[in-house]
């Protein structure tokens, strides 16, 4: 799942981004409210985490703009402002949850999971295609009694393929979804991760293959 994290404190931003990525999320980090709304308008996020006090636009202003534009992406507000009236204001503005600073890493992850469960198009932890299961909670692929684990980016890529079976996904679509539209990563990381996924599927003896469409992208197909 893909998250946007907006926090102007660079140390907190880096720590939380690392925590979320180690937990299987793809994370875009921004450091002010204007960039936050720009990113939200240009990409499809599963959830947004906003610091309340940020330069250019506050988290509450970003949230207000999102809801006024009809963007229903779930939002978790992080802030040092823990007064009851502040929490009420955030929730009334359309936030899905509110977590005061300082917070424990375990509670943040629990709140993120709860926030994502409330998303209207909530996705189950296990999704299937042909004889393959993709387990989001454990970040692994299963086929029959066998299973193999995946790193974060390979998992995100496999998740994207399983969610769109048979569809040809372009390199640009994959780069934007998995690595982020402003990533410094080179496009060859897609090929490297496709190669990894093919090896994993072979290990599992899965009746699924990743087909390359020359000059276009990749698609996931069943061989049953």
Protein backbone atom coordinates (compact mmCIF):
# COMPACT_ATOMS: atom_id res chain seq x y z
CA UNK A 1 0.00 0.00 0.00
CA UNK A 2 1.15 3.51 -0.78
CA UNK A 3 1.21 6.32 1.79
CA UNK A 4 2.00 10.02 1.74
CA UNK A 5 3.74 11.33 4.87
CA UNK A 6 3.90 15.10 5.38
CA UNK A 7 6.16 16.25 8.24
CA UNK A 8 8.49 19.26 8.35
CA UNK A 9 10.83 17.83 11.00
CA UNK A 10 13.41 15.98 8.89
CA UNK A 11 14.52 13.64 11.68
CA UNK A 12 10.95 12.56 12.46
CA UNK A 13 10.20 12.26 8.75
CA UNK A 14 13.15 9.95 8.10
CA UNK A 15 12.46 7.80 11.17
CA UNK A 16 8.76 7.35 10.39
CA UNK A 17 9.39 6.74 6.69
CA UNK A 18 11.90 4.01 7.56
CA UNK A 19 9.47 2.45 10.05
CA UNK A 20 6.63 2.40 7.52
CA UNK A 21 8.76 1.02 4.69
CA UNK A 22 10.08 -1.76 6.92
CA UNK A 23 6.44 -2.61 7.62
CA UNK A 24 5.71 -3.09 3.94
CA UNK A 25 4.38 0.30 2.89
CA UNK A 26 5.56 2.41 -0.03
CA UNK A 27 6.04 5.96 1.29
CA UNK A 28 6.39 9.36 -0.35
CA UNK A 29 7.68 12.00 2.10
CA UNK A 30 7.09 15.75 1.80
CA UNK A 31 8.02 18.56 4.17
CA UNK A 32 5.36 21.24 3.78
CA UNK A 33 1.64 21.46 3.27
CA UNK A 34 1.75 22.84 -0.27
CA UNK A 35 3.79 19.88 -1.50
CA UNK A 36 1.42 17.56 0.35
CA UNK A 37 -1.65 18.77 -1.53
CA UNK A 38 0.29 18.78 -4.83
CA UNK A 39 1.27 15.13 -4.34
CA UNK A 40 -2.22 14.11 -3.24
CA UNK A 41 -3.75 15.66 -6.35
CA UNK A 42 -1.29 13.91 -8.67
CA UNK A 43 -1.10 10.39 -7.21
CA UNK A 44 -3.39 7.68 -5.90
CA UNK A 45 -2.58 7.08 -2.22
CA UNK A 46 -4.12 4.49 0.08
CA UNK A 47 -3.62 6.74 3.10
CA UNK A 48 -2.18 10.13 4.12
CA UNK A 49 -0.37 11.03 7.36
CA UNK A 50 -0.26 14.78 8.04
CA UNK A 51 1.61 16.77 10.65
CA UNK A 52 -0.61 19.59 11.93
CA UNK A 53 1.98 22.40 12.01
CA UNK A 54 3.81 22.71 8.68
CA UNK A 55 5.12 25.58 6.52
CA UNK A 56 3.07 26.97 3.60
CA UNK A 57 -0.08 25.05 4.59
CA UNK A 58 -0.96 23.34 7.87
CA UNK A 59 -2.11 19.75 8.00
CA UNK A 60 -5.63 20.95 8.76
CA UNK A 61 -5.58 23.22 5.70
CA UNK A 62 -4.41 20.31 3.55
CA UNK A 63 -7.16 18.12 4.97
CA UNK A 64 -9.77 20.81 4.34
CA UNK A 65 -8.62 21.18 0.72
CA UNK A 66 -8.71 17.41 0.21
CA UNK A 67 -12.28 17.09 1.45
CA UNK A 68 -13.44 20.19 -0.47
CA UNK A 69 -12.10 18.59 -3.67
CA UNK A 70 -13.90 15.33 -2.93
CA UNK A 71 -10.70 13.40 -2.12
CA UNK A 72 -11.80 10.71 0.35
CA UNK A 73 -8.37 9.17 1.00
CA UNK A 74 -8.16 8.34 4.73
CA UNK A 75 -6.07 10.76 6.80
CA UNK A 76 -4.21 10.38 10.09
CA UNK A 77 -3.23 13.64 11.83
CA UNK A 78 0.02 13.71 13.86
CA UNK A 79 0.56 16.67 16.13
CA UNK A 80 1.92 17.93 19.44
CA UNK A 81 -1.43 19.72 19.92
CA UNK A 82 -3.27 17.26 22.13
CA UNK A 83 -6.04 19.43 23.58
CA UNK A 84 -9.53 17.95 23.26
CA UNK A 85 -10.73 20.89 21.15
CA UNK A 86 -7.85 20.32 18.70
CA UNK A 87 -8.74 16.65 18.34
CA UNK A 88 -12.39 17.52 17.80
CA UNK A 89 -11.45 20.13 15.19
CA UNK A 90 -9.32 17.64 13.28
CA UNK A 91 -11.97 14.91 13.32
CA UNK A 92 -14.74 17.34 12.39
CA UNK A 93 -12.65 18.54 9.45
CA UNK A 94 -12.64 15.00 8.04
CA UNK A 95 -9.64 13.26 9.63
CA UNK A 96 -10.02 9.53 10.18
CA UNK A 97 -7.77 9.48 13.24
CA UNK A 98 -5.60 11.71 15.42
CA UNK A 99 -2.34 10.71 17.15
CA UNK A 100 -0.60 13.14 19.56
CA UNK A 101 3.19 13.45 19.67
CA UNK A 102 5.25 11.87 21.07
CA UNK A 103 3.96 8.47 20.03
CA UNK A 104 5.18 4.87 20.16
CA UNK A 105 6.11 3.22 16.87
CA UNK A 106 3.79 0.29 17.59
CA UNK A 107 0.83 2.61 18.15
CA UNK A 108 1.52 4.54 14.94
CA UNK A 109 1.56 1.30 12.95
CA UNK A 110 -1.65 0.14 14.63
CA UNK A 111 -3.34 3.47 13.82
CA UNK A 112 -2.20 3.26 10.19
CA UNK A 113 -3.60 -0.27 9.88
CA UNK A 114 -6.89 0.86 11.42
CA UNK A 115 -7.04 3.88 9.11
CA UNK A 116 -6.52 1.73 6.04
CA UNK A 117 -9.17 -0.76 7.17
CA UNK A 118 -11.68 2.06 7.12
CA UNK A 119 -11.00 2.86 3.49
CA UNK A 120 -14.14 2.25 1.43
CA UNK A 121 -12.41 -0.10 -0.95
CA UNK A 122 -10.72 -2.02 1.88
CA UNK A 123 -8.52 -4.75 0.52
CA UNK A 124 -8.14 -8.13 2.19
CA UNK A 125 -4.75 -9.19 3.52
CA UNK A 126 -4.61 -12.10 1.07
CA UNK A 127 -5.32 -11.71 -2.64
CA UNK A 128 -5.15 -14.47 -5.23
CA UNK A 129 -4.53 -15.01 -8.91
CA UNK A 130 -4.54 -18.45 -10.52
CA UNK A 131 -2.78 -20.77 -8.02
CA UNK A 132 -0.84 -17.95 -6.33
CA UNK A 133 -1.67 -16.12 -3.10
CA UNK A 134 -0.12 -12.78 -2.15
CA UNK A 135 -0.12 -12.22 1.62
CA UNK A 136 0.05 -8.50 2.39
CA UNK A 137 0.50 -8.94 6.14
CA UNK A 138 3.51 -11.26 5.80
CA UNK A 139 4.88 -9.86 2.51
CA UNK A 140 5.16 -13.23 0.82
CA UNK A 141 3.86 -15.30 -2.10
CA UNK A 142 2.27 -18.71 -1.56
CA UNK A 143 1.57 -21.51 -3.98
CA UNK A 144 0.19 -24.70 -2.45
CA UNK A 145 2.32 -25.60 0.56
CA UNK A 146 5.27 -23.45 -0.54
CA UNK A 147 5.92 -19.78 0.18
CA UNK A 148 8.68 -17.24 -0.47
CA UNK A 149 9.18 -13.81 1.04
CA UNK A 150 9.66 -10.58 -0.91
CA UNK A 151 11.44 -7.33 -0.20
CA UNK A 152 9.37 -4.16 -0.03
CA UNK A 153 9.68 -3.00 -3.66
CA UNK A 154 9.29 -6.47 -5.16
CA UNK A 155 6.20 -6.97 -3.01
CA UNK A 156 4.71 -3.64 -4.14
CA UNK A 157 5.34 -4.59 -7.77
CA UNK A 158 3.83 -8.06 -7.40
CA UNK A 159 0.83 -6.56 -5.61
CA UNK A 160 0.28 -4.19 -8.53
CA UNK A 161 0.45 -7.06 -11.04
CA UNK A 162 -1.94 -9.26 -9.04
CA UNK A 163 -4.41 -6.39 -8.69
CA UNK A 164 -4.47 -5.97 -12.51
CA UNK A 165 -4.19 -9.51 -13.96
CA UNK A 166 -3.91 -9.59 -17.71
CA UNK A 167 -3.49 -5.82 -17.99
CA UNK A 168 -0.27 -4.47 -19.48
CA UNK A 169 1.30 -2.11 -16.95
CA UNK A 170 3.68 0.42 -18.42
CA UNK A 171 7.11 1.15 -16.99
CA UNK A 172 5.93 4.66 -16.14
CA UNK A 173 2.88 3.30 -14.24
CA UNK A 174 5.07 0.91 -12.27
CA UNK A 175 7.69 3.55 -11.49
CA UNK A 176 5.03 6.04 -10.34
CA UNK A 177 3.19 3.52 -8.12
CA UNK A 178 6.12 1.64 -6.58
CA UNK A 179 8.98 4.15 -6.52
CA UNK A 180 7.08 7.44 -6.56
CA UNK A 181 6.75 10.00 -9.32
CA UNK A 182 9.73 12.08 -8.16
CA UNK A 183 12.02 9.15 -7.35
CA UNK A 184 15.69 9.25 -8.35
CA UNK A 185 15.59 5.51 -9.11
CA UNK A 186 16.53 4.44 -12.64
CA UNK A 187 14.04 2.51 -14.75
CA UNK A 188 16.25 -0.58 -14.73
CA UNK A 189 15.11 -1.22 -11.13
CA UNK A 190 11.82 -2.41 -12.67
CA UNK A 191 13.62 -5.05 -14.74
CA UNK A 192 15.69 -6.14 -11.73
CA UNK A 193 12.57 -6.64 -9.60
CA UNK A 194 10.68 -8.35 -12.43
CA UNK A 195 13.62 -10.77 -12.69
CA UNK A 196 13.44 -11.41 -8.94
CA UNK A 197 9.70 -12.09 -9.10
CA UNK A 198 10.12 -14.51 -12.00
CA UNK A 199 12.71 -16.47 -10.01
CA UNK A 200 10.39 -16.58 -6.99
CA UNK A 201 7.48 -17.85 -9.10
CA UNK A 202 9.74 -20.53 -10.58
CA UNK A 203 10.78 -21.62 -7.07
CA UNK A 204 7.10 -22.05 -6.22
CA UNK A 205 6.32 -23.98 -9.43
CA UNK A 206 3.47 -21.49 -9.85
CA UNK A 207 1.23 -21.54 -12.90
CA UNK A 208 1.72 -17.80 -13.29
CA UNK A 209 4.14 -15.89 -15.49
CA UNK A 210 5.12 -12.26 -15.94
CA UNK A 211 5.02 -11.48 -19.64
CA UNK A 212 7.05 -8.67 -21.16
CA UNK A 213 5.36 -6.65 -23.89
CA UNK A 214 8.17 -5.08 -25.90
CA UNK A 215 8.23 -1.31 -25.67
CA UNK A 216 5.16 -1.21 -23.42
CA UNK A 217 5.52 -2.98 -20.05
CA UNK A 218 4.55 -6.15 -18.21
CA UNK A 219 1.47 -8.24 -17.54
CA UNK A 220 0.65 -11.13 -15.21
CA UNK A 221 -0.84 -14.21 -16.89
CA UNK A 222 -2.00 -17.67 -15.80
CA UNK A 223 -0.59 -20.75 -17.53
CA UNK A 224 -3.35 -23.08 -16.26
